[in-house]
Amino acid sequence: MSGMKSFIIGALTVAVIALGYLYYQGRQNTVEIRLPNVTIEKK
């Protein structure tokens, strides 16, 4: 039972980190386009 509890806590932690990262990226005003030989960045 404790293994399942640890797994759920770990999964929730990863989900919170991922959502926080996506939220942070969404708040940035940077547009970046990466192609194999060209990088276009607008801030």
Protein backbone atom coordinates (compact mmCIF):
# COMPACT_ATOMS: atom_id res chain seq x y z
CA MET A 1 0.00 0.00 0.00
CA SER A 2 2.81 2.43 0.79
CA GLY A 3 4.37 1.79 -2.64
CA MET A 4 1.17 2.91 -4.35
CA LYS A 5 0.97 5.97 -2.10
CA SER A 6 4.56 6.93 -2.99
CA PHE A 7 3.81 6.45 -6.68
CA ILE A 8 0.76 8.73 -6.50
CA ILE A 9 2.71 11.41 -4.62
CA GLY A 10 5.52 11.20 -7.19
CA ALA A 11 3.08 11.40 -10.11
CA LEU A 12 1.35 14.45 -8.59
CA THR A 13 4.71 16.12 -7.98
CA VAL A 14 5.74 15.59 -11.61
CA ALA A 15 2.36 16.88 -12.81
CA VAL A 16 2.64 20.05 -10.69
CA ILE A 17 6.17 20.70 -11.94
CA ALA A 18 5.12 20.15 -15.57
CA LEU A 19 2.08 22.41 -15.26
CA GLY A 20 4.13 25.09 -13.51
CA TYR A 21 6.69 24.99 -16.30
CA LEU A 22 4.02 25.24 -18.99
CA TYR A 23 2.37 28.15 -17.14
CA TYR A 24 5.74 29.90 -16.85
CA GLN A 25 6.44 29.42 -20.55
CA GLY A 26 2.98 30.75 -21.39
CA ARG A 27 3.65 33.92 -19.38
CA GLN A 28 6.84 34.70 -21.30
CA ASN A 29 6.56 37.14 -24.19
CA THR A 30 9.18 35.38 -26.26
CA VAL A 31 8.41 33.79 -29.60
CA GLU A 32 11.07 31.39 -30.75
CA ILE A 33 11.17 29.40 -33.97
CA ARG A 34 13.90 26.81 -34.33
CA LEU A 35 14.75 25.24 -37.65
CA PRO A 36 17.79 23.05 -38.33
CA ASN A 37 19.99 25.96 -39.48
CA VAL A 38 18.00 29.04 -38.40
CA THR A 39 16.79 30.37 -35.06
CA ILE A 40 14.30 33.25 -35.03
CA GLU A 41 13.61 34.84 -31.66
CA LYS A 42 11.33 37.77 -30.84
CA LYS A 43 11.11 39.21 -27.34
